[in-house]
N, C-alpha and C. Protein backbone atom coordinates (compact mmCIF):
# COMPACT_ATOMS: atom_id res chain seq x y z
N MET A 1 0.86 -1.16 0.00
CA MET A 1 0.00 0.00 0.00
C MET A 1 0.91 1.23 0.00
N PHE A 2 0.59 2.19 -0.87
CA PHE A 2 1.40 3.40 -0.93
C PHE A 2 0.54 4.59 -1.34
N ASP A 3 1.11 5.78 -1.14
CA ASP A 3 0.43 7.02 -1.50
C ASP A 3 0.80 7.42 -2.92
N THR A 4 -0.13 8.06 -3.61
CA THR A 4 0.16 8.66 -4.89
C THR A 4 -0.39 10.08 -4.89
N THR A 5 -0.06 10.81 -5.94
CA THR A 5 -0.45 12.21 -6.06
C THR A 5 -1.19 12.41 -7.38
N ASP A 6 -1.68 13.62 -7.58
CA ASP A 6 -2.30 13.96 -8.86
C ASP A 6 -1.31 13.69 -10.00
N ALA A 7 -0.04 14.07 -9.78
CA ALA A 7 0.98 13.91 -10.81
C ALA A 7 1.33 12.45 -11.07
N GLY A 8 1.28 11.61 -10.04
CA GLY A 8 1.66 10.21 -10.19
C GLY A 8 0.52 9.27 -10.49
N PHE A 9 -0.71 9.78 -10.49
CA PHE A 9 -1.89 8.93 -10.61
C PHE A 9 -1.90 8.13 -11.92
N LYS A 10 -1.55 8.76 -13.02
CA LYS A 10 -1.57 8.07 -14.31
C LYS A 10 -0.65 6.86 -14.28
N LYS A 11 0.58 7.05 -13.84
CA LYS A 11 1.56 5.96 -13.80
C LYS A 11 1.17 4.91 -12.76
N ASP A 12 0.83 5.35 -11.55
CA ASP A 12 0.58 4.43 -10.45
C ASP A 12 -0.73 3.66 -10.56
N VAL A 13 -1.74 4.27 -11.20
CA VAL A 13 -3.08 3.66 -11.23
C VAL A 13 -3.50 3.31 -12.65
N LEU A 14 -3.56 4.29 -13.52
CA LEU A 14 -4.12 4.07 -14.85
C LEU A 14 -3.26 3.16 -15.72
N GLU A 15 -1.95 3.17 -15.51
CA GLU A 15 -1.05 2.34 -16.31
C GLU A 15 -0.59 1.08 -15.59
N SER A 16 -1.21 0.76 -14.48
CA SER A 16 -0.81 -0.41 -13.69
C SER A 16 -1.17 -1.72 -14.39
N ASP A 17 -0.28 -2.69 -14.29
CA ASP A 17 -0.54 -4.02 -14.82
C ASP A 17 -1.53 -4.78 -13.94
N LEU A 18 -1.59 -4.41 -12.67
CA LEU A 18 -2.50 -5.05 -11.71
C LEU A 18 -3.73 -4.16 -11.51
N PRO A 19 -4.85 -4.75 -11.11
CA PRO A 19 -5.98 -3.93 -10.67
C PRO A 19 -5.55 -3.06 -9.49
N VAL A 20 -6.16 -1.89 -9.35
CA VAL A 20 -5.78 -0.95 -8.30
C VAL A 20 -7.03 -0.50 -7.54
N LEU A 21 -6.98 -0.64 -6.22
CA LEU A 21 -8.02 -0.11 -5.35
C LEU A 21 -7.49 1.21 -4.79
N VAL A 22 -8.16 2.32 -5.13
CA VAL A 22 -7.71 3.64 -4.70
C VAL A 22 -8.58 4.09 -3.53
N ASP A 23 -7.91 4.47 -2.46
CA ASP A 23 -8.57 4.99 -1.26
C ASP A 23 -8.41 6.50 -1.23
N PHE A 24 -9.50 7.23 -1.44
CA PHE A 24 -9.49 8.68 -1.32
C PHE A 24 -9.80 9.00 0.14
N TRP A 25 -8.91 9.71 0.81
CA TRP A 25 -8.99 9.92 2.25
C TRP A 25 -8.44 11.30 2.62
N ALA A 26 -8.56 11.65 3.90
CA ALA A 26 -7.95 12.86 4.46
C ALA A 26 -7.58 12.56 5.91
N PRO A 27 -6.52 13.18 6.41
CA PRO A 27 -6.07 12.91 7.77
C PRO A 27 -7.09 13.25 8.86
N TRP A 28 -7.96 14.22 8.62
CA TRP A 28 -8.95 14.64 9.62
C TRP A 28 -10.19 13.75 9.63
N CYS A 29 -10.29 12.83 8.70
CA CYS A 29 -11.49 11.99 8.52
C CYS A 29 -11.42 10.75 9.42
N ALA A 30 -12.25 10.72 10.45
CA ALA A 30 -12.25 9.59 11.39
C ALA A 30 -12.58 8.26 10.71
N PRO A 31 -13.60 8.18 9.85
CA PRO A 31 -13.85 6.91 9.17
C PRO A 31 -12.68 6.47 8.29
N CYS A 32 -11.96 7.44 7.72
CA CYS A 32 -10.78 7.11 6.91
C CYS A 32 -9.71 6.45 7.77
N ARG A 33 -9.49 6.99 8.95
CA ARG A 33 -8.50 6.41 9.87
C ARG A 33 -8.95 5.03 10.33
N MET A 34 -10.25 4.84 10.49
CA MET A 34 -10.77 3.54 10.90
C MET A 34 -10.57 2.50 9.78
N LEU A 35 -10.69 2.91 8.54
CA LEU A 35 -10.55 2.02 7.41
C LEU A 35 -9.09 1.65 7.11
N ALA A 36 -8.16 2.51 7.46
CA ALA A 36 -6.75 2.34 7.10
C ALA A 36 -6.16 0.98 7.49
N PRO A 37 -6.33 0.51 8.74
CA PRO A 37 -5.74 -0.80 9.08
C PRO A 37 -6.37 -1.95 8.29
N ARG A 38 -7.64 -1.85 7.99
CA ARG A 38 -8.31 -2.88 7.21
C ARG A 38 -7.74 -2.92 5.78
N LEU A 39 -7.50 -1.75 5.21
CA LEU A 39 -6.92 -1.70 3.87
C LEU A 39 -5.48 -2.21 3.87
N GLU A 40 -4.74 -1.92 4.94
CA GLU A 40 -3.36 -2.42 5.05
C GLU A 40 -3.35 -3.95 5.07
N ALA A 41 -4.23 -4.54 5.85
CA ALA A 41 -4.34 -6.00 5.91
C ALA A 41 -4.79 -6.56 4.56
N PHE A 42 -5.71 -5.89 3.93
CA PHE A 42 -6.20 -6.30 2.61
C PHE A 42 -5.08 -6.27 1.59
N ALA A 43 -4.27 -5.20 1.62
CA ALA A 43 -3.15 -5.06 0.69
C ALA A 43 -2.14 -6.19 0.89
N GLN A 44 -1.90 -6.57 2.12
CA GLN A 44 -0.97 -7.66 2.40
C GLN A 44 -1.54 -9.00 1.94
N GLU A 45 -2.82 -9.22 2.19
CA GLU A 45 -3.47 -10.47 1.82
C GLU A 45 -3.48 -10.68 0.31
N PHE A 46 -3.67 -9.61 -0.45
CA PHE A 46 -3.77 -9.72 -1.91
C PHE A 46 -2.54 -9.18 -2.64
N ALA A 47 -1.41 -9.12 -1.94
CA ALA A 47 -0.17 -8.64 -2.56
C ALA A 47 0.14 -9.47 -3.81
N GLY A 48 0.51 -8.78 -4.88
CA GLY A 48 0.81 -9.44 -6.14
C GLY A 48 -0.42 -9.65 -7.01
N LYS A 49 -1.61 -9.46 -6.46
CA LYS A 49 -2.85 -9.63 -7.21
C LYS A 49 -3.57 -8.31 -7.43
N ILE A 50 -3.40 -7.39 -6.49
CA ILE A 50 -4.05 -6.09 -6.56
C ILE A 50 -3.19 -5.08 -5.81
N LYS A 51 -3.17 -3.85 -6.26
CA LYS A 51 -2.47 -2.78 -5.55
C LYS A 51 -3.49 -1.94 -4.81
N VAL A 52 -3.09 -1.45 -3.65
CA VAL A 52 -3.91 -0.51 -2.89
C VAL A 52 -3.13 0.80 -2.82
N VAL A 53 -3.75 1.86 -3.31
CA VAL A 53 -3.11 3.16 -3.41
C VAL A 53 -3.98 4.19 -2.68
N LYS A 54 -3.33 5.07 -1.91
CA LYS A 54 -4.05 6.10 -1.16
C LYS A 54 -3.83 7.46 -1.82
N VAL A 55 -4.90 8.26 -1.85
CA VAL A 55 -4.84 9.63 -2.37
C VAL A 55 -5.40 10.56 -1.31
N ASN A 56 -4.57 11.43 -0.77
CA ASN A 56 -4.99 12.42 0.21
C ASN A 56 -5.72 13.53 -0.56
N VAL A 57 -7.02 13.65 -0.36
CA VAL A 57 -7.82 14.61 -1.13
C VAL A 57 -7.53 16.07 -0.77
N ASP A 58 -6.98 16.31 0.42
CA ASP A 58 -6.62 17.68 0.78
C ASP A 58 -5.41 18.16 -0.02
N GLU A 59 -4.52 17.25 -0.35
CA GLU A 59 -3.30 17.60 -1.07
C GLU A 59 -3.40 17.32 -2.57
N ASN A 60 -4.37 16.53 -2.99
CA ASN A 60 -4.50 16.10 -4.39
C ASN A 60 -5.96 16.19 -4.80
N ARG A 61 -6.38 17.36 -5.17
CA ARG A 61 -7.79 17.61 -5.47
C ARG A 61 -8.18 17.31 -6.92
N VAL A 62 -7.22 17.31 -7.82
CA VAL A 62 -7.55 17.18 -9.24
C VAL A 62 -8.17 15.83 -9.55
N VAL A 63 -7.49 14.75 -9.19
CA VAL A 63 -8.00 13.41 -9.50
C VAL A 63 -9.34 13.16 -8.83
N ALA A 64 -9.45 13.55 -7.56
CA ALA A 64 -10.72 13.38 -6.85
C ALA A 64 -11.84 14.13 -7.56
N GLY A 65 -11.55 15.33 -8.04
CA GLY A 65 -12.56 16.12 -8.75
C GLY A 65 -12.95 15.50 -10.07
N VAL A 66 -11.97 15.03 -10.82
CA VAL A 66 -12.24 14.41 -12.12
C VAL A 66 -13.11 13.16 -11.95
N LEU A 67 -12.85 12.41 -10.89
CA LEU A 67 -13.61 11.18 -10.65
C LEU A 67 -14.93 11.42 -9.93
N GLY A 68 -15.18 12.66 -9.53
CA GLY A 68 -16.44 12.98 -8.88
C GLY A 68 -16.53 12.51 -7.44
N VAL A 69 -15.40 12.40 -6.76
CA VAL A 69 -15.41 11.99 -5.36
C VAL A 69 -16.01 13.13 -4.54
N ARG A 70 -17.12 12.85 -3.87
CA ARG A 70 -17.83 13.88 -3.11
C ARG A 70 -17.79 13.62 -1.60
N GLY A 71 -17.52 12.38 -1.21
CA GLY A 71 -17.45 12.03 0.20
C GLY A 71 -16.28 11.08 0.42
N ILE A 72 -15.75 11.08 1.63
CA ILE A 72 -14.65 10.18 1.95
C ILE A 72 -14.95 9.44 3.24
N PRO A 73 -14.39 8.26 3.42
CA PRO A 73 -13.52 7.58 2.49
C PRO A 73 -14.29 7.11 1.25
N ALA A 74 -13.61 7.19 0.13
CA ALA A 74 -14.16 6.68 -1.12
C ALA A 74 -13.18 5.68 -1.69
N LEU A 75 -13.67 4.52 -2.06
CA LEU A 75 -12.84 3.48 -2.67
C LEU A 75 -13.26 3.34 -4.13
N VAL A 76 -12.28 3.47 -5.02
CA VAL A 76 -12.54 3.35 -6.45
C VAL A 76 -11.62 2.26 -6.98
N LEU A 77 -12.21 1.28 -7.64
CA LEU A 77 -11.47 0.15 -8.17
C LEU A 77 -11.23 0.35 -9.66
N PHE A 78 -9.97 0.25 -10.06
CA PHE A 78 -9.56 0.37 -11.46
C PHE A 78 -9.02 -0.96 -11.96
N ASP A 79 -9.32 -1.28 -13.20
CA ASP A 79 -8.73 -2.43 -13.87
C ASP A 79 -8.40 -1.99 -15.29
N ARG A 80 -7.13 -2.12 -15.64
CA ARG A 80 -6.66 -1.70 -16.96
C ARG A 80 -6.99 -0.24 -17.25
N GLY A 81 -6.88 0.60 -16.23
CA GLY A 81 -7.08 2.03 -16.39
C GLY A 81 -8.51 2.50 -16.38
N GLU A 82 -9.45 1.58 -16.22
CA GLU A 82 -10.88 1.93 -16.23
C GLU A 82 -11.50 1.72 -14.86
N VAL A 83 -12.44 2.59 -14.50
CA VAL A 83 -13.17 2.41 -13.23
C VAL A 83 -14.09 1.21 -13.37
N VAL A 84 -13.96 0.27 -12.44
CA VAL A 84 -14.78 -0.94 -12.42
C VAL A 84 -15.93 -0.77 -11.43
N SER A 85 -15.64 -0.21 -10.27
CA SER A 85 -16.66 0.02 -9.25
C SER A 85 -16.16 1.06 -8.26
N ALA A 86 -17.09 1.56 -7.46
CA ALA A 86 -16.75 2.57 -6.46
C ALA A 86 -17.75 2.49 -5.32
N THR A 87 -17.28 2.89 -4.15
CA THR A 87 -18.14 2.93 -2.98
C THR A 87 -17.65 4.03 -2.05
N THR A 88 -18.54 4.54 -1.25
CA THR A 88 -18.20 5.57 -0.27
C THR A 88 -18.54 5.03 1.11
N GLY A 89 -17.70 5.37 2.08
CA GLY A 89 -17.92 4.91 3.45
C GLY A 89 -16.96 3.79 3.80
N VAL A 90 -17.22 3.16 4.92
CA VAL A 90 -16.36 2.09 5.41
C VAL A 90 -17.07 0.76 5.17
N PRO A 91 -16.63 0.01 4.15
CA PRO A 91 -17.29 -1.25 3.87
C PRO A 91 -16.90 -2.34 4.87
N ALA A 92 -17.80 -3.27 5.10
CA ALA A 92 -17.47 -4.43 5.92
C ALA A 92 -16.43 -5.26 5.16
N PRO A 93 -15.63 -6.07 5.87
CA PRO A 93 -14.60 -6.86 5.19
C PRO A 93 -15.14 -7.68 4.03
N GLU A 94 -16.30 -8.30 4.20
CA GLU A 94 -16.85 -9.12 3.12
C GLU A 94 -17.28 -8.26 1.92
N GLN A 95 -17.71 -7.03 2.18
CA GLN A 95 -18.06 -6.11 1.09
C GLN A 95 -16.81 -5.68 0.33
N LEU A 96 -15.72 -5.50 1.04
CA LEU A 96 -14.45 -5.14 0.41
C LEU A 96 -13.98 -6.27 -0.50
N ASN A 97 -14.07 -7.50 -0.03
CA ASN A 97 -13.69 -8.65 -0.85
C ASN A 97 -14.60 -8.76 -2.07
N LYS A 98 -15.89 -8.53 -1.90
CA LYS A 98 -16.83 -8.59 -3.00
C LYS A 98 -16.55 -7.50 -4.03
N LEU A 99 -16.16 -6.32 -3.55
CA LEU A 99 -15.86 -5.19 -4.42
C LEU A 99 -14.75 -5.54 -5.42
N VAL A 100 -13.75 -6.28 -4.98
CA VAL A 100 -12.61 -6.56 -5.84
C VAL A 100 -12.64 -7.95 -6.49
N ALA A 101 -13.58 -8.77 -6.11
CA ALA A 101 -13.62 -10.15 -6.60
C ALA A 101 -13.65 -10.23 -8.13
N SER A 102 -14.33 -9.30 -8.77
CA SER A 102 -14.46 -9.36 -10.23
C SER A 102 -13.17 -9.12 -10.98
N VAL A 103 -12.17 -8.52 -10.34
CA VAL A 103 -10.92 -8.21 -11.04
C VAL A 103 -9.75 -9.10 -10.62
N LEU A 104 -9.96 -9.94 -9.64
CA LEU A 104 -8.86 -10.83 -9.21
C LEU A 104 -8.61 -11.87 -10.27
N ARG A 105 -7.36 -12.00 -10.64
CA ARG A 105 -7.00 -12.95 -11.69
C ARG A 105 -6.35 -14.17 -11.12
């Protein structure tokens, strides 16, 4: 799991060989902080199959705006540079697995 920026988003997410789950978050967001350890465990469990990338919306507003992110935490799943699915809020672990199941190879 790693952070990316507006400038690095194309390389880190859109051009990735693996599916990418992007977490749009902010440091002041309590639900975002609650979700962080779950995403870290998820990233470790699916290492080599999916990447988990974080975007701080306070510091990187362009990508969030282009994607229409209106609330955080927001999880957006990309596969081959295209948005596959998205959700806002803190999903239950089984919902998180279901969210990415369609892109696991």
